[in-house]
Amino acid sequence: MIDAFTDLWDLYLRHGYVLCDRDDEFRLRTVCLYLSRQAKSLTVSLEDILRTATQGPTPQWQSLRTQLR
């Protein structure tokens, strides 16, 4: 259970990094997590994350970044 919490927290932190890149300077398009105990990595596109995390129309990252300013 601790690993699952750590992995989720890591994912939330990565979303924060994406949202803080307000000018899209780093051109982040994917998020990758490394699950050390399973010796596996998981790479997911940001668009897929938004599509599955929201209901209705999928918001754009840039509009979310703008709302945080």
PDB file of N, CA and C in Angstrom:
ATOM      1  N   MET A   1       0.813  -1.189   0.000  1.00  0.00           N
ATOM      2  CA  MET A   1       0.000   0.000   0.000  1.00  0.00           C
ATOM      3  C   MET A   1       0.859   1.256   0.000  1.00  0.00           C
ATOM      4  N   ILE A   2       1.976   1.229   0.674  1.00  0.00           N
ATOM      5  CA  ILE A   2       2.864   2.389   0.685  1.00  0.00           C
ATOM      6  C   ILE A   2       3.390   2.667  -0.717  1.00  0.00           C
ATOM      7  N   ASP A   3       3.733   1.614  -1.453  1.00  0.00           N
ATOM      8  CA  ASP A   3       4.227   1.803  -2.816  1.00  0.00           C
ATOM      9  C   ASP A   3       3.171   2.458  -3.694  1.00  0.00           C
ATOM     10  N   ALA A   4       1.924   2.019  -3.561  1.00  0.00           N
ATOM     11  CA  ALA A   4       0.845   2.600  -4.368  1.00  0.00           C
ATOM     12  C   ALA A   4       0.685   4.073  -4.036  1.00  0.00           C
ATOM     13  N   PHE A   5       0.736   4.426  -2.759  1.00  0.00           N
ATOM     14  CA  PHE A   5       0.627   5.825  -2.360  1.00  0.00           C
ATOM     15  C   PHE A   5       1.787   6.640  -2.914  1.00  0.00           C
ATOM     16  N   THR A   6       2.982   6.112  -2.809  1.00  0.00           N
ATOM     17  CA  THR A   6       4.164   6.800  -3.319  1.00  0.00           C
ATOM     18  C   THR A   6       4.055   7.000  -4.827  1.00  0.00           C
ATOM     19  N   ASP A   7       3.611   5.977  -5.540  1.00  0.00           N
ATOM     20  CA  ASP A   7       3.475   6.087  -6.984  1.00  0.00           C
ATOM     21  C   ASP A   7       2.428   7.133  -7.357  1.00  0.00           C
ATOM     22  N   LEU A   8       1.294   7.153  -6.649  1.00  0.00           N
ATOM     23  CA  LEU A   8       0.273   8.164  -6.923  1.00  0.00           C
ATOM     24  C   LEU A   8       0.787   9.559  -6.604  1.00  0.00           C
ATOM     25  N   TRP A   9       1.487   9.696  -5.487  1.00  0.00           N
ATOM     26  CA  TRP A   9       2.028  10.996  -5.114  1.00  0.00           C
ATOM     27  C   TRP A   9       3.019  11.474  -6.176  1.00  0.00           C
ATOM     28  N   ASP A  10       3.843  10.577  -6.664  1.00  0.00           N
ATOM     29  CA  ASP A  10       4.802  10.908  -7.711  1.00  0.00           C
ATOM     30  C   ASP A  10       4.071  11.385  -8.968  1.00  0.00           C
ATOM     31  N   LEU A  11       2.977  10.718  -9.302  1.00  0.00           N
ATOM     32  CA  LEU A  11       2.196  11.113 -10.464  1.00  0.00           C
ATOM     33  C   LEU A  11       1.599  12.505 -10.274  1.00  0.00           C
ATOM     34  N   TYR A  12       1.063  12.783  -9.081  1.00  0.00           N
ATOM     35  CA  TYR A  12       0.521  14.113  -8.804  1.00  0.00           C
ATOM     36  C   TYR A  12       1.601  15.180  -8.904  1.00  0.00           C
ATOM     37  N   LEU A  13       2.787  14.891  -8.389  1.00  0.00           N
ATOM     38  CA  LEU A  13       3.878  15.850  -8.478  1.00  0.00           C
ATOM     39  C   LEU A  13       4.241  16.138  -9.932  1.00  0.00           C
ATOM     40  N   ARG A  14       4.272  15.106 -10.748  1.00  0.00           N
ATOM     41  CA  ARG A  14       4.594  15.297 -12.161  1.00  0.00           C
ATOM     42  C   ARG A  14       3.546  16.156 -12.856  1.00  0.00           C
ATOM     43  N   HIS A  15       2.284  15.983 -12.491  1.00  0.00           N
ATOM     44  CA  HIS A  15       1.251  16.857 -13.063  1.00  0.00           C
ATOM     45  C   HIS A  15       1.506  18.300 -12.654  1.00  0.00           C
ATOM     46  N   GLY A  16       1.933  18.489 -11.424  1.00  0.00           N
ATOM     47  CA  GLY A  16       2.256  19.840 -10.959  1.00  0.00           C
ATOM     48  C   GLY A  16       3.374  20.453 -11.782  1.00  0.00           C
ATOM     49  N   TYR A  17       4.393  19.671 -12.105  1.00  0.00           N
ATOM     50  CA  TYR A  17       5.485  20.177 -12.930  1.00  0.00           C
ATOM     51  C   TYR A  17       4.983  20.574 -14.313  1.00  0.00           C
ATOM     52  N   VAL A  18       4.094  19.783 -14.857  1.00  0.00           N
ATOM     53  CA  VAL A  18       3.542  20.085 -16.182  1.00  0.00           C
ATOM     54  C   VAL A  18       2.753  21.391 -16.127  1.00  0.00           C
ATOM     55  N   LEU A  19       1.935  21.545 -15.102  1.00  0.00           N
ATOM     56  CA  LEU A  19       1.122  22.750 -14.983  1.00  0.00           C
ATOM     57  C   LEU A  19       1.963  23.989 -14.699  1.00  0.00           C
ATOM     58  N   CYS A  20       3.063  23.825 -13.998  1.00  0.00           N
ATOM     59  CA  CYS A  20       3.931  24.974 -13.688  1.00  0.00           C
ATOM     60  C   CYS A  20       4.759  25.426 -14.885  1.00  0.00           C
ATOM     61  N   ASP A  21       4.855  24.609 -15.894  1.00  0.00           N
ATOM     62  CA  ASP A  21       5.582  24.988 -17.117  1.00  0.00           C
ATOM     63  C   ASP A  21       4.644  25.849 -17.970  1.00  0.00           C
ATOM     64  N   ARG A  22       4.342  27.045 -17.487  1.00  0.00           N
ATOM     65  CA  ARG A  22       3.315  27.907 -18.076  1.00  0.00           C
ATOM     66  C   ARG A  22       3.583  28.296 -19.515  1.00  0.00           C
ATOM     67  N   ASP A  23       4.821  28.476 -19.870  1.00  0.00           N
ATOM     68  CA  ASP A  23       5.162  28.891 -21.233  1.00  0.00           C
ATOM     69  C   ASP A  23       5.496  27.704 -22.132  1.00  0.00           C
ATOM     70  N   ASP A  24       5.274  26.506 -21.634  1.00  0.00           N
ATOM     71  CA  ASP A  24       5.567  25.272 -22.363  1.00  0.00           C
ATOM     72  C   ASP A  24       7.029  25.230 -22.812  1.00  0.00           C
ATOM     73  N   GLU A  25       7.882  25.746 -21.950  1.00  0.00           N
ATOM     74  CA  GLU A  25       9.317  25.807 -22.243  1.00  0.00           C
ATOM     75  C   GLU A  25       9.927  24.417 -22.427  1.00  0.00           C
ATOM     76  N   PHE A  26       9.475  23.459 -21.635  1.00  0.00           N
ATOM     77  CA  PHE A  26      10.074  22.122 -21.666  1.00  0.00           C
ATOM     78  C   PHE A  26       9.340  21.161 -22.588  1.00  0.00           C
ATOM     79  N   ARG A  27       8.219  21.585 -23.138  1.00  0.00           N
ATOM     80  CA  ARG A  27       7.437  20.802 -24.101  1.00  0.00           C
ATOM     81  C   ARG A  27       7.168  19.375 -23.602  1.00  0.00           C
ATOM     82  N   LEU A  28       6.668  19.302 -22.385  1.00  0.00           N
ATOM     83  CA  LEU A  28       6.362  18.011 -21.781  1.00  0.00           C
ATOM     84  C   LEU A  28       5.116  17.429 -22.435  1.00  0.00           C
ATOM     85  N   ARG A  29       5.198  16.206 -22.916  1.00  0.00           N
ATOM     86  CA  ARG A  29       4.069  15.549 -23.587  1.00  0.00           C
ATOM     87  C   ARG A  29       3.734  14.189 -22.991  1.00  0.00           C
ATOM     88  N   THR A  30       4.650  13.643 -22.199  1.00  0.00           N
ATOM     89  CA  THR A  30       4.421  12.344 -21.569  1.00  0.00           C
ATOM     90  C   THR A  30       4.908  12.378 -20.119  1.00  0.00           C
ATOM     91  N   VAL A  31       4.380  11.455 -19.338  1.00  0.00           N
ATOM     92  CA  VAL A  31       4.807  11.262 -17.959  1.00  0.00           C
ATOM     93  C   VAL A  31       5.275   9.825 -17.839  1.00  0.00           C
ATOM     94  N   CYS A  32       6.407   9.634 -17.202  1.00  0.00           N
ATOM     95  CA  CYS A  32       6.944   8.286 -17.033  1.00  0.00           C
ATOM     96  C   CYS A  32       7.149   8.017 -15.541  1.00  0.00           C
ATOM     97  N   LEU A  33       6.668   6.893 -15.103  1.00  0.00           N
ATOM     98  CA  LEU A  33       6.882   6.441 -13.731  1.00  0.00           C
ATOM     99  C   LEU A  33       7.694   5.163 -13.761  1.00  0.00           C
ATOM    100  N   TYR A  34       8.652   5.073 -12.858  1.00  0.00           N
ATOM    101  CA  TYR A  34       9.414   3.835 -12.731  1.00  0.00           C
ATOM    102  C   TYR A  34       8.985   3.159 -11.435  1.00  0.00           C
ATOM    103  N   LEU A  35       8.489   1.951 -11.546  1.00  0.00           N
ATOM    104  CA  LEU A  35       8.045   1.176 -10.396  1.00  0.00           C
ATOM    105  C   LEU A  35       9.184   0.234 -10.007  1.00  0.00           C
ATOM    106  N   SER A  36       9.970   0.647  -9.044  1.00  0.00           N
ATOM    107  CA  SER A  36      11.215  -0.063  -8.739  1.00  0.00           C
ATOM    108  C   SER A  36      10.996  -1.491  -8.240  1.00  0.00           C
ATOM    109  N   ARG A  37      10.009  -1.710  -7.438  1.00  0.00           N
ATOM    110  CA  ARG A  37       9.795  -3.068  -6.915  1.00  0.00           C
ATOM    111  C   ARG A  37       9.361  -4.030  -8.005  1.00  0.00           C
ATOM    112  N   GLN A  38       8.677  -3.506  -9.005  1.00  0.00           N
ATOM    113  CA  GLN A  38       8.245  -4.352 -10.112  1.00  0.00           C
ATOM    114  C   GLN A  38       9.241  -4.318 -11.268  1.00  0.00           C
ATOM    115  N   ALA A  39      10.222  -3.438 -11.174  1.00  0.00           N
ATOM    116  CA  ALA A  39      11.222  -3.240 -12.232  1.00  0.00           C
ATOM    117  C   ALA A  39      10.545  -2.969 -13.573  1.00  0.00           C
ATOM    118  N   LYS A  40       9.560  -2.081 -13.526  1.00  0.00           N
ATOM    119  CA  LYS A  40       8.827  -1.719 -14.741  1.00  0.00           C
ATOM    120  C   LYS A  40       8.676  -0.209 -14.813  1.00  0.00           C
ATOM    121  N   SER A  41       8.542   0.278 -16.019  1.00  0.00           N
ATOM    122  CA  SER A  41       8.244   1.695 -16.200  1.00  0.00           C
ATOM    123  C   SER A  41       6.909   1.830 -16.915  1.00  0.00           C
ATOM    124  N   LEU A  42       6.245   2.921 -16.638  1.00  0.00           N
ATOM    125  CA  LEU A  42       4.948   3.207 -17.230  1.00  0.00           C
ATOM    126  C   LEU A  42       5.028   4.595 -17.846  1.00  0.00           C
ATOM    127  N   THR A  43       4.791   4.677 -19.142  1.00  0.00           N
ATOM    128  CA  THR A  43       4.808   5.956 -19.837  1.00  0.00           C
ATOM    129  C   THR A  43       3.418   6.225 -20.389  1.00  0.00           C
ATOM    130  N   VAL A  44       2.889   7.405 -20.073  1.00  0.00           N
ATOM    131  CA  VAL A  44       1.539   7.768 -20.485  1.00  0.00           C
ATOM    132  C   VAL A  44       1.573   9.179 -21.059  1.00  0.00           C
ATOM    133  N   SER A  45       0.854   9.391 -22.148  1.00  0.00           N
ATOM    134  CA  SER A  45       0.786  10.737 -22.715  1.00  0.00           C
ATOM    135  C   SER A  45      -0.096  11.614 -21.838  1.00  0.00           C
ATOM    136  N   LEU A  46       0.211  12.888 -21.784  1.00  0.00           N
ATOM    137  CA  LEU A  46      -0.575  13.819 -20.990  1.00  0.00           C
ATOM    138  C   LEU A  46      -2.000  13.920 -21.522  1.00  0.00           C
ATOM    139  N   GLU A  47      -2.161  13.816 -22.821  1.00  0.00           N
ATOM    140  CA  GLU A  47      -3.504  13.866 -23.403  1.00  0.00           C
ATOM    141  C   GLU A  47      -4.346  12.691 -22.927  1.00  0.00           C
ATOM    142  N   ASP A  48      -3.740  11.501 -22.848  1.00  0.00           N
ATOM    143  CA  ASP A  48      -4.466  10.333 -22.349  1.00  0.00           C
ATOM    144  C   ASP A  48      -4.863  10.509 -20.885  1.00  0.00           C
ATOM    145  N   ILE A  49      -3.971  11.110 -20.108  1.00  0.00           N
ATOM    146  CA  ILE A  49      -4.276  11.341 -18.695  1.00  0.00           C
ATOM    147  C   ILE A  49      -5.472  12.283 -18.567  1.00  0.00           C
ATOM    148  N   LEU A  50      -5.452  13.379 -19.311  1.00  0.00           N
ATOM    149  CA  LEU A  50      -6.574  14.316 -19.254  1.00  0.00           C
ATOM    150  C   LEU A  50      -7.867  13.691 -19.754  1.00  0.00           C
ATOM    151  N   ARG A  51      -7.774  12.922 -20.806  1.00  0.00           N
ATOM    152  CA  ARG A  51      -8.964  12.293 -21.385  1.00  0.00           C
ATOM    153  C   ARG A  51      -9.633  11.354 -20.385  1.00  0.00           C
ATOM    154  N   THR A  52      -8.836  10.598 -19.646  1.00  0.00           N
ATOM    155  CA  THR A  52      -9.419   9.644 -18.703  1.00  0.00           C
ATOM    156  C   THR A  52      -9.767  10.286 -17.359  1.00  0.00           C
ATOM    157  N   ALA A  53      -9.154  11.409 -17.031  1.00  0.00           N
ATOM    158  CA  ALA A  53      -9.379  12.046 -15.732  1.00  0.00           C
ATOM    159  C   ALA A  53     -10.549  13.025 -15.743  1.00  0.00           C
ATOM    160  N   THR A  54     -11.053  13.382 -16.911  1.00  0.00           N
ATOM    161  CA  THR A  54     -12.122  14.370 -16.976  1.00  0.00           C
ATOM    162  C   THR A  54     -13.342  13.798 -17.684  1.00  0.00           C
ATOM    163  N   GLN A  55     -14.476  14.345 -17.338  1.00  0.00           N
ATOM    164  CA  GLN A  55     -15.709  13.982 -18.015  1.00  0.00           C
ATOM    165  C   GLN A  55     -16.024  15.079 -19.027  1.00  0.00           C
ATOM    166  N   GLY A  56     -16.653  14.718 -20.104  1.00  0.00           N
ATOM    167  CA  GLY A  56     -17.001  15.713 -21.121  1.00  0.00           C
ATOM    168  C   GLY A  56     -15.812  16.024 -21.994  1.00  0.00           C
ATOM    169  N   PRO A  57     -15.789  17.250 -22.549  1.00  0.00           N
ATOM    170  CA  PRO A  57     -14.678  17.626 -23.431  1.00  0.00           C
ATOM    171  C   PRO A  57     -13.342  17.626 -22.688  1.00  0.00           C
ATOM    172  N   THR A  58     -12.318  17.170 -23.362  1.00  0.00           N
ATOM    173  CA  THR A  58     -10.991  17.124 -22.759  1.00  0.00           C
ATOM    174  C   THR A  58     -10.372  18.521 -22.758  1.00  0.00           C
ATOM    175  N   PRO A  59      -9.998  19.036 -21.568  1.00  0.00           N
ATOM    176  CA  PRO A  59      -9.361  20.356 -21.526  1.00  0.00           C
ATOM    177  C   PRO A  59      -7.948  20.287 -22.100  1.00  0.00           C
ATOM    178  N   GLN A  60      -7.449  21.404 -22.531  1.00  0.00           N
ATOM    179  CA  GLN A  60      -6.083  21.501 -23.032  1.00  0.00           C
ATOM    180  C   GLN A  60      -5.167  21.910 -21.881  1.00  0.00           C
ATOM    181  N   TRP A  61      -3.948  21.391 -21.892  1.00  0.00           N
ATOM    182  CA  TRP A  61      -3.001  21.718 -20.823  1.00  0.00           C
ATOM    183  C   TRP A  61      -2.768  23.215 -20.739  1.00  0.00           C
ATOM    184  N   GLN A  62      -2.675  23.884 -21.887  1.00  0.00           N
ATOM    185  CA  GLN A  62      -2.380  25.317 -21.861  1.00  0.00           C
ATOM    186  C   GLN A  62      -3.494  26.101 -21.167  1.00  0.00           C
ATOM    187  N   SER A  63      -4.734  25.705 -21.366  1.00  0.00           N
ATOM    188  CA  SER A  63      -5.826  26.415 -20.688  1.00  0.00           C
ATOM    189  C   SER A  63      -5.780  26.177 -19.186  1.00  0.00           C
ATOM    190  N   LEU A  64      -5.392  24.981 -18.779  1.00  0.00           N
ATOM    191  CA  LEU A  64      -5.231  24.703 -17.350  1.00  0.00           C
ATOM    192  C   LEU A  64      -4.087  25.504 -16.755  1.00  0.00           C
ATOM    193  N   ARG A  65      -3.010  25.625 -17.496  1.00  0.00           N
ATOM    194  CA  ARG A  65      -1.869  26.435 -17.033  1.00  0.00           C
ATOM    195  C   ARG A  65      -2.268  27.886 -16.873  1.00  0.00           C
ATOM    196  N   THR A  66      -3.040  28.400 -17.812  1.00  0.00           N
ATOM    197  CA  THR A  66      -3.473  29.792 -17.773  1.00  0.00           C
ATOM    198  C   THR A  66      -4.350  30.048 -16.556  1.00  0.00           C
ATOM    199  N   GLN A  67      -5.201  29.100 -16.217  1.00  0.00           N
ATOM    200  CA  GLN A  67      -6.084  29.258 -15.055  1.00  0.00           C
ATOM    201  C   GLN A  67      -5.297  29.354 -13.754  1.00  0.00           C
ATOM    202  N   LEU A  68      -4.100  28.791 -13.715  1.00  0.00           N
ATOM    203  CA  LEU A  68      -3.283  28.822 -12.499  1.00  0.00           C
ATOM    204  C   LEU A  68      -2.491  30.110 -12.346  1.00  0.00           C
ATOM    205  N   ARG A  69      -2.457  30.930 -13.337  1.00  0.00           N
ATOM    206  CA  ARG A  69      -1.679  32.182 -13.234  1.00  0.00           C
ATOM    207  C   ARG A  69      -2.313  33.152 -12.286  1.00  0.00           C
TER     208      ARG A  69
END
